[in-house]
Amino acid sequence: MSFVAAQVTTTLFYGQSSGTYEHYFNTFLRPDDVAWSFVQAIIISVIVMLNHCYYGFYASGGPVASARPSPLDARLPDSRSCWSSCSLRWRFTAPTPTSTSRCNR
């Protein structure tokens, strides 16, 4: 459907002749490239799905363990993670001097 929409837009709205559009479309978009891209997308999706299913099946500890950071995760430094997690709240609420939040350092 997106290929048809691109052709209609190019030929009707921009005035390109349909023969020129077909020539360049068939020259630069080869069917084997499209098929290989589709196969790659399927392979990557299966790998990601199997990875998530494996770690989801062997997860233990419930919600508390999943919320606790592991020592191997790649986290930003504390000041950056504090900024990213609290920046939205800062826009709508003013920090108080007696607040004990870790974002008001």
PDB file of N, CA and C in Angstrom:
ATOM      1  N   MET A   1       0.819  -1.189   0.000  1.00  0.00           N
ATOM      2  CA  MET A   1       0.000   0.000   0.000  1.00  0.00           C
ATOM      3  C   MET A   1       0.866   1.258   0.000  1.00  0.00           C
ATOM      4  N   SER A   2       1.982   1.215   0.737  1.00  0.00           N
ATOM      5  CA  SER A   2       2.831   2.407   0.781  1.00  0.00           C
ATOM      6  C   SER A   2       3.496   2.665  -0.572  1.00  0.00           C
ATOM      7  N   PHE A   3       3.789   1.590  -1.320  1.00  0.00           N
ATOM      8  CA  PHE A   3       4.375   1.790  -2.649  1.00  0.00           C
ATOM      9  C   PHE A   3       3.378   2.466  -3.590  1.00  0.00           C
ATOM     10  N   VAL A   4       2.113   2.078  -3.501  1.00  0.00           N
ATOM     11  CA  VAL A   4       1.079   2.689  -4.335  1.00  0.00           C
ATOM     12  C   VAL A   4       0.876   4.151  -3.944  1.00  0.00           C
ATOM     13  N   ALA A   5       0.864   4.429  -2.643  1.00  0.00           N
ATOM     14  CA  ALA A   5       0.701   5.812  -2.182  1.00  0.00           C
ATOM     15  C   ALA A   5       1.852   6.689  -2.648  1.00  0.00           C
ATOM     16  N   ALA A   6       3.075   6.159  -2.614  1.00  0.00           N
ATOM     17  CA  ALA A   6       4.232   6.930  -3.089  1.00  0.00           C
ATOM     18  C   ALA A   6       4.124   7.191  -4.587  1.00  0.00           C
ATOM     19  N   GLN A   7       3.672   6.206  -5.347  1.00  0.00           N
ATOM     20  CA  GLN A   7       3.545   6.397  -6.783  1.00  0.00           C
ATOM     21  C   GLN A   7       2.447   7.406  -7.117  1.00  0.00           C
ATOM     22  N   VAL A   8       1.324   7.314  -6.444  1.00  0.00           N
ATOM     23  CA  VAL A   8       0.231   8.264  -6.698  1.00  0.00           C
ATOM     24  C   VAL A   8       0.665   9.677  -6.340  1.00  0.00           C
ATOM     25  N   THR A   9       1.324   9.830  -5.231  1.00  0.00           N
ATOM     26  CA  THR A   9       1.785  11.161  -4.811  1.00  0.00           C
ATOM     27  C   THR A   9       2.775  11.730  -5.806  1.00  0.00           C
ATOM     28  N   THR A  10       3.734  10.912  -6.240  1.00  0.00           N
ATOM     29  CA  THR A  10       4.768  11.408  -7.150  1.00  0.00           C
ATOM     30  C   THR A  10       4.203  11.718  -8.531  1.00  0.00           C
ATOM     31  N   THR A  11       3.325  10.870  -9.045  1.00  0.00           N
ATOM     32  CA  THR A  11       2.845  11.078 -10.417  1.00  0.00           C
ATOM     33  C   THR A  11       1.709  12.089 -10.498  1.00  0.00           C
ATOM     34  N   LEU A  12       0.782  12.055  -9.560  1.00  0.00           N
ATOM     35  CA  LEU A  12      -0.358  12.967  -9.655  1.00  0.00           C
ATOM     36  C   LEU A  12      -0.079  14.337  -9.053  1.00  0.00           C
ATOM     37  N   PHE A  13       0.490  14.354  -7.845  1.00  0.00           N
ATOM     38  CA  PHE A  13       0.658  15.637  -7.166  1.00  0.00           C
ATOM     39  C   PHE A  13       1.895  16.398  -7.610  1.00  0.00           C
ATOM     40  N   TYR A  14       2.978  15.667  -7.928  1.00  0.00           N
ATOM     41  CA  TYR A  14       4.213  16.344  -8.311  1.00  0.00           C
ATOM     42  C   TYR A  14       4.427  16.384  -9.825  1.00  0.00           C
ATOM     43  N   GLY A  15       3.553  15.743 -10.586  1.00  0.00           N
ATOM     44  CA  GLY A  15       3.611  15.848 -12.041  1.00  0.00           C
ATOM     45  C   GLY A  15       4.688  15.008 -12.702  1.00  0.00           C
ATOM     46  N   GLN A  16       5.273  14.057 -12.022  1.00  0.00           N
ATOM     47  CA  GLN A  16       6.285  13.185 -12.619  1.00  0.00           C
ATOM     48  C   GLN A  16       5.573  12.183 -13.533  1.00  0.00           C
ATOM     49  N   SER A  17       6.154  11.903 -14.673  1.00  0.00           N
ATOM     50  CA  SER A  17       5.513  10.930 -15.567  1.00  0.00           C
ATOM     51  C   SER A  17       5.603   9.536 -14.958  1.00  0.00           C
ATOM     52  N   SER A  18       4.587   8.738 -15.206  1.00  0.00           N
ATOM     53  CA  SER A  18       4.545   7.412 -14.587  1.00  0.00           C
ATOM     54  C   SER A  18       5.634   6.501 -15.137  1.00  0.00           C
ATOM     55  N   GLY A  19       6.026   6.692 -16.392  1.00  0.00           N
ATOM     56  CA  GLY A  19       7.106   5.883 -16.968  1.00  0.00           C
ATOM     57  C   GLY A  19       8.436   6.132 -16.291  1.00  0.00           C
ATOM     58  N   THR A  20       8.739   7.403 -16.031  1.00  0.00           N
ATOM     59  CA  THR A  20       9.982   7.736 -15.335  1.00  0.00           C
ATOM     60  C   THR A  20       9.962   7.196 -13.912  1.00  0.00           C
ATOM     61  N   TYR A  21       8.815   7.330 -13.251  1.00  0.00           N
ATOM     62  CA  TYR A  21       8.696   6.801 -11.884  1.00  0.00           C
ATOM     63  C   TYR A  21       8.922   5.287 -11.881  1.00  0.00           C
ATOM     64  N   GLU A  22       8.262   4.564 -12.797  1.00  0.00           N
ATOM     65  CA  GLU A  22       8.412   3.109 -12.865  1.00  0.00           C
ATOM     66  C   GLU A  22       9.860   2.718 -13.157  1.00  0.00           C
ATOM     67  N   HIS A  23      10.525   3.459 -14.050  1.00  0.00           N
ATOM     68  CA  HIS A  23      11.914   3.147 -14.383  1.00  0.00           C
ATOM     69  C   HIS A  23      12.800   3.229 -13.150  1.00  0.00           C
ATOM     70  N   TYR A  24      12.746   4.353 -12.454  1.00  0.00           N
ATOM     71  CA  TYR A  24      13.618   4.517 -11.291  1.00  0.00           C
ATOM     72  C   TYR A  24      13.189   3.639 -10.119  1.00  0.00           C
ATOM     73  N   PHE A  25      11.906   3.390  -9.989  1.00  0.00           N
ATOM     74  CA  PHE A  25      11.431   2.503  -8.932  1.00  0.00           C
ATOM     75  C   PHE A  25      11.973   1.092  -9.152  1.00  0.00           C
ATOM     76  N   ASN A  26      11.880   0.587 -10.369  1.00  0.00           N
ATOM     77  CA  ASN A  26      12.360  -0.766 -10.664  1.00  0.00           C
ATOM     78  C   ASN A  26      13.879  -0.848 -10.695  1.00  0.00           C
ATOM     79  N   THR A  27      14.555   0.266 -10.973  1.00  0.00           N
ATOM     80  CA  THR A  27      16.012   0.264 -10.996  1.00  0.00           C
ATOM     81  C   THR A  27      16.591   0.198  -9.590  1.00  0.00           C
ATOM     82  N   PHE A  28      16.024   0.984  -8.687  1.00  0.00           N
ATOM     83  CA  PHE A  28      16.638   1.100  -7.368  1.00  0.00           C
ATOM     84  C   PHE A  28      15.979   0.265  -6.280  1.00  0.00           C
ATOM     85  N   LEU A  29      14.803  -0.269  -6.508  1.00  0.00           N
ATOM     86  CA  LEU A  29      14.153  -1.126  -5.520  1.00  0.00           C
ATOM     87  C   LEU A  29      14.049  -2.522  -6.111  1.00  0.00           C
ATOM     88  N   ARG A  30      15.067  -3.312  -5.822  1.00  0.00           N
ATOM     89  CA  ARG A  30      15.106  -4.664  -6.369  1.00  0.00           C
ATOM     90  C   ARG A  30      14.310  -5.603  -5.470  1.00  0.00           C
ATOM     91  N   PRO A  31      13.576  -6.544  -6.040  1.00  0.00           N
ATOM     92  CA  PRO A  31      12.762  -7.464  -5.240  1.00  0.00           C
ATOM     93  C   PRO A  31      13.581  -8.319  -4.276  1.00  0.00           C
ATOM     94  N   ASP A  32      14.811  -8.696  -4.660  1.00  0.00           N
ATOM     95  CA  ASP A  32      15.616  -9.496  -3.742  1.00  0.00           C
ATOM     96  C   ASP A  32      16.039  -8.691  -2.515  1.00  0.00           C
ATOM     97  N   ASP A  33      16.228  -7.376  -2.665  1.00  0.00           N
ATOM     98  CA  ASP A  33      16.519  -6.540  -1.503  1.00  0.00           C
ATOM     99  C   ASP A  33      15.325  -6.464  -0.549  1.00  0.00           C
ATOM    100  N   VAL A  34      14.138  -6.345  -1.113  1.00  0.00           N
ATOM    101  CA  VAL A  34      12.930  -6.293  -0.282  1.00  0.00           C
ATOM    102  C   VAL A  34      12.740  -7.624   0.446  1.00  0.00           C
ATOM    103  N   ALA A  35      12.933  -8.727  -0.257  1.00  0.00           N
ATOM    104  CA  ALA A  35      12.778 -10.048   0.365  1.00  0.00           C
ATOM    105  C   ALA A  35      13.813 -10.260   1.462  1.00  0.00           C
ATOM    106  N   TRP A  36      15.066  -9.868   1.213  1.00  0.00           N
ATOM    107  CA  TRP A  36      16.112 -10.032   2.223  1.00  0.00           C
ATOM    108  C   TRP A  36      15.830  -9.158   3.447  1.00  0.00           C
ATOM    109  N   SER A  37      15.317  -7.964   3.251  1.00  0.00           N
ATOM    110  CA  SER A  37      14.954  -7.103   4.372  1.00  0.00           C
ATOM    111  C   SER A  37      13.835  -7.720   5.198  1.00  0.00           C
ATOM    112  N   PHE A  38      12.879  -8.336   4.531  1.00  0.00           N
ATOM    113  CA  PHE A  38      11.788  -9.005   5.233  1.00  0.00           C
ATOM    114  C   PHE A  38      12.316 -10.186   6.052  1.00  0.00           C
ATOM    115  N   VAL A  39      13.207 -10.973   5.459  1.00  0.00           N
ATOM    116  CA  VAL A  39      13.789 -12.115   6.175  1.00  0.00           C
ATOM    117  C   VAL A  39      14.595 -11.633   7.371  1.00  0.00           C
ATOM    118  N   GLN A  40      15.370 -10.573   7.207  1.00  0.00           N
ATOM    119  CA  GLN A  40      16.143 -10.022   8.322  1.00  0.00           C
ATOM    120  C   GLN A  40      15.234  -9.555   9.447  1.00  0.00           C
ATOM    121  N   ALA A  41      14.146  -8.892   9.116  1.00  0.00           N
ATOM    122  CA  ALA A  41      13.218  -8.415  10.149  1.00  0.00           C
ATOM    123  C   ALA A  41      12.601  -9.584  10.904  1.00  0.00           C
ATOM    124  N   ILE A  42      12.248 -10.643  10.205  1.00  0.00           N
ATOM    125  CA  ILE A  42      11.688 -11.826  10.870  1.00  0.00           C
ATOM    126  C   ILE A  42      12.725 -12.476  11.781  1.00  0.00           C
ATOM    127  N   ILE A  43      13.957 -12.632  11.313  1.00  0.00           N
ATOM    128  CA  ILE A  43      15.014 -13.260  12.124  1.00  0.00           C
ATOM    129  C   ILE A  43      15.291 -12.452  13.379  1.00  0.00           C
ATOM    130  N   ILE A  44      15.417 -11.140  13.248  1.00  0.00           N
ATOM    131  CA  ILE A  44      15.695 -10.292  14.417  1.00  0.00           C
ATOM    132  C   ILE A  44      14.528 -10.335  15.395  1.00  0.00           C
ATOM    133  N   SER A  45      13.287 -10.333  14.874  1.00  0.00           N
ATOM    134  CA  SER A  45      12.132 -10.391  15.785  1.00  0.00           C
ATOM    135  C   SER A  45      12.099 -11.706  16.540  1.00  0.00           C
ATOM    136  N   VAL A  46      12.425 -12.800  15.886  1.00  0.00           N
ATOM    137  CA  VAL A  46      12.435 -14.100  16.578  1.00  0.00           C
ATOM    138  C   VAL A  46      13.523 -14.131  17.639  1.00  0.00           C
ATOM    139  N   ILE A  47      14.700 -13.594  17.345  1.00  0.00           N
ATOM    140  CA  ILE A  47      15.786 -13.561  18.328  1.00  0.00           C
ATOM    141  C   ILE A  47      15.375 -12.732  19.543  1.00  0.00           C
ATOM    142  N   VAL A  48      14.807 -11.559  19.307  1.00  0.00           N
ATOM    143  CA  VAL A  48      14.377 -10.704  20.418  1.00  0.00           C
ATOM    144  C   VAL A  48      13.275 -11.378  21.220  1.00  0.00           C
ATOM    145  N   MET A  49      12.317 -11.993  20.537  1.00  0.00           N
ATOM    146  CA  MET A  49      11.215 -12.659  21.224  1.00  0.00           C
ATOM    147  C   MET A  49      11.718 -13.824  22.075  1.00  0.00           C
ATOM    148  N   LEU A  50      12.615 -14.638  21.541  1.00  0.00           N
ATOM    149  CA  LEU A  50      13.159 -15.758  22.313  1.00  0.00           C
ATOM    150  C   LEU A  50      13.950 -15.275  23.516  1.00  0.00           C
ATOM    151  N   ASN A  51      14.700 -14.210  23.331  1.00  0.00           N
ATOM    152  CA  ASN A  51      15.476 -13.646  24.439  1.00  0.00           C
ATOM    153  C   ASN A  51      14.554 -13.168  25.556  1.00  0.00           C
ATOM    154  N   HIS A  52      13.507 -12.436  25.205  1.00  0.00           N
ATOM    155  CA  HIS A  52      12.583 -11.938  26.223  1.00  0.00           C
ATOM    156  C   HIS A  52      11.810 -13.075  26.882  1.00  0.00           C
ATOM    157  N   CYS A  53      11.425 -14.060  26.116  1.00  0.00           N
ATOM    158  CA  CYS A  53      10.706 -15.198  26.699  1.00  0.00           C
ATOM    159  C   CYS A  53      11.604 -15.971  27.657  1.00  0.00           C
ATOM    160  N   TYR A  54      12.862 -16.159  27.287  1.00  0.00           N
ATOM    161  CA  TYR A  54      13.786 -16.881  28.156  1.00  0.00           C
ATOM    162  C   TYR A  54      13.966 -16.162  29.493  1.00  0.00           C
ATOM    163  N   TYR A  55      14.289 -14.871  29.435  1.00  0.00           N
ATOM    164  CA  TYR A  55      14.516 -14.128  30.675  1.00  0.00           C
ATOM    165  C   TYR A  55      13.225 -13.903  31.448  1.00  0.00           C
ATOM    166  N   GLY A  56      12.104 -13.805  30.768  1.00  0.00           N
ATOM    167  CA  GLY A  56      10.834 -13.689  31.465  1.00  0.00           C
ATOM    168  C   GLY A  56      10.445 -14.969  32.163  1.00  0.00           C
ATOM    169  N   PHE A  57      10.759 -16.119  31.547  1.00  0.00           N
ATOM    170  CA  PHE A  57      10.416 -17.403  32.152  1.00  0.00           C
ATOM    171  C   PHE A  57      11.268 -17.673  33.391  1.00  0.00           C
ATOM    172  N   TYR A  58      12.540 -17.295  33.350  1.00  0.00           N
ATOM    173  CA  TYR A  58      13.434 -17.566  34.460  1.00  0.00           C
ATOM    174  C   TYR A  58      13.549 -16.408  35.446  1.00  0.00           C
ATOM    175  N   ALA A  59      12.714 -15.402  35.318  1.00  0.00           N
ATOM    176  CA  ALA A  59      12.734 -14.288  36.272  1.00  0.00           C
ATOM    177  C   ALA A  59      12.221 -14.780  37.616  1.00  0.00           C
ATOM    178  N   SER A  60      12.825 -14.274  38.678  1.00  0.00           N
ATOM    179  CA  SER A  60      12.373 -14.659  40.017  1.00  0.00           C
ATOM    180  C   SER A  60      12.370 -13.429  40.900  1.00  0.00           C
ATOM    181  N   GLY A  61      11.605 -13.492  41.978  1.00  0.00           N
ATOM    182  CA  GLY A  61      11.580 -12.395  42.918  1.00  0.00           C
ATOM    183  C   GLY A  61      10.381 -11.488  42.769  1.00  0.00           C
ATOM    184  N   GLY A  62       9.592 -11.668  41.732  1.00  0.00           N
ATOM    185  CA  GLY A  62       8.399 -10.860  41.563  1.00  0.00           C
ATOM    186  C   GLY A  62       8.694  -9.428  41.167  1.00  0.00           C
ATOM    187  N   PRO A  63       7.742  -8.532  41.417  1.00  0.00           N
ATOM    188  CA  PRO A  63       7.897  -7.150  40.998  1.00  0.00           C
ATOM    189  C   PRO A  63       9.030  -6.426  41.719  1.00  0.00           C
ATOM    190  N   VAL A  64       9.313  -6.822  42.945  1.00  0.00           N
ATOM    191  CA  VAL A  64      10.385  -6.157  43.698  1.00  0.00           C
ATOM    192  C   VAL A  64      11.727  -6.429  43.047  1.00  0.00           C
ATOM    193  N   ALA A  65      11.963  -7.661  42.649  1.00  0.00           N
ATOM    194  CA  ALA A  65      13.240  -7.999  42.021  1.00  0.00           C
ATOM    195  C   ALA A  65      13.373  -7.372  40.644  1.00  0.00           C
ATOM    196  N   SER A  66      12.271  -7.239  39.931  1.00  0.00           N
ATOM    197  CA  SER A  66      12.378  -6.638  38.603  1.00  0.00           C
ATOM    198  C   SER A  66      12.580  -5.132  38.688  1.00  0.00           C
ATOM    199  N   ALA A  67      12.173  -4.511  39.774  1.00  0.00           N
ATOM    200  CA  ALA A  67      12.367  -3.070  39.934  1.00  0.00           C
ATOM    201  C   ALA A  67      13.755  -2.737  40.476  1.00  0.00           C
ATOM    202  N   ARG A  68      14.389  -3.675  41.128  1.00  0.00           N
ATOM    203  CA  ARG A  68      15.720  -3.460  41.696  1.00  0.00           C
ATOM    204  C   ARG A  68      16.750  -3.551  40.572  1.00  0.00           C
ATOM    205  N   PRO A  69      17.666  -2.600  40.458  1.00  0.00           N
ATOM    206  CA  PRO A  69      18.667  -2.664  39.385  1.00  0.00           C
ATOM    207  C   PRO A  69      19.680  -3.769  39.666  1.00  0.00           C
ATOM    208  N   SER A  70      20.094  -4.436  38.614  1.00  0.00           N
ATOM    209  CA  SER A  70      21.114  -5.459  38.775  1.00  0.00           C
ATOM    210  C   SER A  70      22.482  -4.801  38.689  1.00  0.00           C
ATOM    211  N   PRO A  71      23.510  -5.465  39.208  1.00  0.00           N
ATOM    212  CA  PRO A  71      24.847  -4.861  39.138  1.00  0.00           C
ATOM    213  C   PRO A  71      25.398  -4.808  37.724  1.00  0.00           C
ATOM    214  N   LEU A  72      24.802  -5.534  36.799  1.00  0.00           N
ATOM    215  CA  LEU A  72      25.340  -5.574  35.441  1.00  0.00           C
ATOM    216  C   LEU A  72      24.643  -4.634  34.476  1.00  0.00           C
ATOM    217  N   ASP A  73      23.596  -3.934  34.931  1.00  0.00           N
ATOM    218  CA  ASP A  73      22.896  -3.073  33.980  1.00  0.00           C
ATOM    219  C   ASP A  73      23.707  -1.821  33.689  1.00  0.00           C
ATOM    220  N   ALA A  74      23.487  -1.281  32.521  1.00  0.00           N
ATOM    221  CA  ALA A  74      24.222  -0.085  32.088  1.00  0.00           C
ATOM    222  C   ALA A  74      23.352   1.127  32.379  1.00  0.00           C
ATOM    223  N   ARG A  75      23.534   1.709  33.534  1.00  0.00           N
ATOM    224  CA  ARG A  75      22.728   2.860  33.915  1.00  0.00           C
ATOM    225  C   ARG A  75      23.536   4.137  33.758  1.00  0.00           C
ATOM    226  N   LEU A  76      22.832   5.218  33.608  1.00  0.00           N
ATOM    227  CA  LEU A  76      23.481   6.514  33.558  1.00  0.00           C
ATOM    228  C   LEU A  76      23.970   6.875  34.950  1.00  0.00           C
ATOM    229  N   PRO A  77      24.906   7.806  35.064  1.00  0.00           N
ATOM    230  CA  PRO A  77      25.288   8.255  36.398  1.00  0.00           C
ATOM    231  C   PRO A  77      24.081   8.786  37.168  1.00  0.00           C
ATOM    232  N   ASP A  78      24.174   8.802  38.472  1.00  0.00           N
ATOM    233  CA  ASP A  78      23.028   9.116  39.311  1.00  0.00           C
ATOM    234  C   ASP A  78      22.454  10.500  39.029  1.00  0.00           C
ATOM    235  N   SER A  79      23.302  11.466  38.753  1.00  0.00           N
ATOM    236  CA  SER A  79      22.782  12.818  38.511  1.00  0.00           C
ATOM    237  C   SER A  79      21.954  12.855  37.228  1.00  0.00           C
ATOM    238  N   ARG A  80      22.386  12.134  36.200  1.00  0.00           N
ATOM    239  CA  ARG A  80      21.622  12.131  34.954  1.00  0.00           C
ATOM    240  C   ARG A  80      20.318  11.379  35.112  1.00  0.00           C
ATOM    241  N   SER A  81      20.366  10.216  35.770  1.00  0.00           N
ATOM    242  CA  SER A  81      19.136   9.458  35.922  1.00  0.00           C
ATOM    243  C   SER A  81      18.155  10.217  36.804  1.00  0.00           C
ATOM    244  N   CYS A  82      18.680  10.949  37.776  1.00  0.00           N
ATOM    245  CA  CYS A  82      17.813  11.771  38.608  1.00  0.00           C
ATOM    246  C   CYS A  82      17.150  12.841  37.756  1.00  0.00           C
ATOM    247  N   TRP A  83      17.902  13.456  36.874  1.00  0.00           N
ATOM    248  CA  TRP A  83      17.339  14.509  36.034  1.00  0.00           C
ATOM    249  C   TRP A  83      16.267  13.946  35.112  1.00  0.00           C
ATOM    250  N   SER A  84      16.544  12.808  34.480  1.00  0.00           N
ATOM    251  CA  SER A  84      15.571  12.285  33.529  1.00  0.00           C
ATOM    252  C   SER A  84      14.298  11.803  34.213  1.00  0.00           C
ATOM    253  N   SER A  85      14.421  11.237  35.418  1.00  0.00           N
ATOM    254  CA  SER A  85      13.230  10.711  36.067  1.00  0.00           C
ATOM    255  C   SER A  85      12.413  11.804  36.749  1.00  0.00           C
ATOM    256  N   CYS A  86      13.028  12.918  37.088  1.00  0.00           N
ATOM    257  CA  CYS A  86      12.309  13.936  37.842  1.00  0.00           C
ATOM    258  C   CYS A  86      12.053  15.215  37.059  1.00  0.00           C
ATOM    259  N   SER A  87      12.529  15.300  35.823  1.00  0.00           N
ATOM    260  CA  SER A  87      12.379  16.558  35.101  1.00  0.00           C
ATOM    261  C   SER A  87      10.915  16.872  34.812  1.00  0.00           C
ATOM    262  N   LEU A  88      10.109  15.871  34.514  1.00  0.00           N
ATOM    263  CA  LEU A  88       8.698  16.127  34.238  1.00  0.00           C
ATOM    264  C   LEU A  88       7.992  16.630  35.490  1.00  0.00           C
ATOM    265  N   ARG A  89       8.328  16.061  36.639  1.00  0.00           N
ATOM    266  CA  ARG A  89       7.700  16.492  37.875  1.00  0.00           C
ATOM    267  C   ARG A  89       8.117  17.931  38.212  1.00  0.00           C
ATOM    268  N   TRP A  90       9.371  18.302  37.912  1.00  0.00           N
ATOM    269  CA  TRP A  90       9.827  19.659  38.209  1.00  0.00           C
ATOM    270  C   TRP A  90       9.064  20.697  37.406  1.00  0.00           C
ATOM    271  N   ARG A  91       8.613  20.336  36.244  1.00  0.00           N
ATOM    272  CA  ARG A  91       7.911  21.303  35.412  1.00  0.00           C
ATOM    273  C   ARG A  91       6.556  21.671  35.997  1.00  0.00           C
ATOM    274  N   PHE A  92       5.963  20.768  36.736  1.00  0.00           N
ATOM    275  CA  PHE A  92       4.611  20.998  37.225  1.00  0.00           C
ATOM    276  C   PHE A  92       4.534  21.289  38.722  1.00  0.00           C
ATOM    277  N   THR A  93       5.541  20.929  39.474  1.00  0.00           N
ATOM    278  CA  THR A  93       5.526  21.202  40.910  1.00  0.00           C
ATOM    279  C   THR A  93       6.838  21.853  41.302  1.00  0.00           C
ATOM    280  N   ALA A  94       6.761  22.822  42.171  1.00  0.00           N
ATOM    281  CA  ALA A  94       7.969  23.488  42.645  1.00  0.00           C
ATOM    282  C   ALA A  94       8.586  22.666  43.772  1.00  0.00           C
ATOM    283  N   PRO A  95       9.901  22.438  43.744  1.00  0.00           N
ATOM    284  CA  PRO A  95      10.530  21.682  44.818  1.00  0.00           C
ATOM    285  C   PRO A  95      10.539  22.495  46.114  1.00  0.00           C
ATOM    286  N   THR A  96      10.321  21.818  47.191  1.00  0.00           N
ATOM    287  CA  THR A  96      10.332  22.484  48.492  1.00  0.00           C
ATOM    288  C   THR A  96      11.677  22.259  49.156  1.00  0.00           C
ATOM    289  N   PRO A  97      12.137  23.192  49.989  1.00  0.00           N
ATOM    290  CA  PRO A  97      13.442  23.033  50.618  1.00  0.00           C
ATOM    291  C   PRO A  97      13.484  21.857  51.612  1.00  0.00           C
ATOM    292  N   THR A  98      12.337  21.424  52.111  1.00  0.00           N
ATOM    293  CA  THR A  98      12.335  20.337  53.087  1.00  0.00           C
ATOM    294  C   THR A  98      12.059  18.987  52.434  1.00  0.00           C
ATOM    295  N   SER A  99      12.024  18.949  51.117  1.00  0.00           N
ATOM    296  CA  SER A  99      11.714  17.704  50.437  1.00  0.00           C
ATOM    297  C   SER A  99      12.862  16.707  50.605  1.00  0.00           C
ATOM    298  N   THR A 100      12.517  15.444  50.755  1.00  0.00           N
ATOM    299  CA  THR A 100      13.540  14.409  50.918  1.00  0.00           C
ATOM    300  C   THR A 100      13.735  13.608  49.644  1.00  0.00           C
ATOM    301  N   SER A 101      13.191  14.088  48.547  1.00  0.00           N
ATOM    302  CA  SER A 101      13.336  13.373  47.280  1.00  0.00           C
ATOM    303  C   SER A 101      14.794  13.357  46.861  1.00  0.00           C
ATOM    304  N   ARG A 102      15.214  12.303  46.214  1.00  0.00           N
ATOM    305  CA  ARG A 102      16.594  12.215  45.771  1.00  0.00           C
ATOM    306  C   ARG A 102      16.875  13.158  44.614  1.00  0.00           C
ATOM    307  N   CYS A 103      15.823  13.753  44.043  1.00  0.00           N
ATOM    308  CA  CYS A 103      16.029  14.678  42.931  1.00  0.00           C
ATOM    309  C   CYS A 103      16.314  16.097  43.396  1.00  0.00           C
ATOM    310  N   ASN A 104      16.130  16.384  44.639  1.00  0.00           N
ATOM    311  CA  ASN A 104      16.355  17.746  45.150  1.00  0.00           C
ATOM    312  C   ASN A 104      17.677  17.816  45.885  1.00  0.00           C
ATOM    313  N   ARG A 105      18.727  17.402  45.260  1.00  0.00           N
ATOM    314  CA  ARG A 105      20.041  17.421  45.906  1.00  0.00           C
ATOM    315  C   ARG A 105      20.661  18.787  45.814  1.00  0.00           C
TER     316      ARG A 105
END
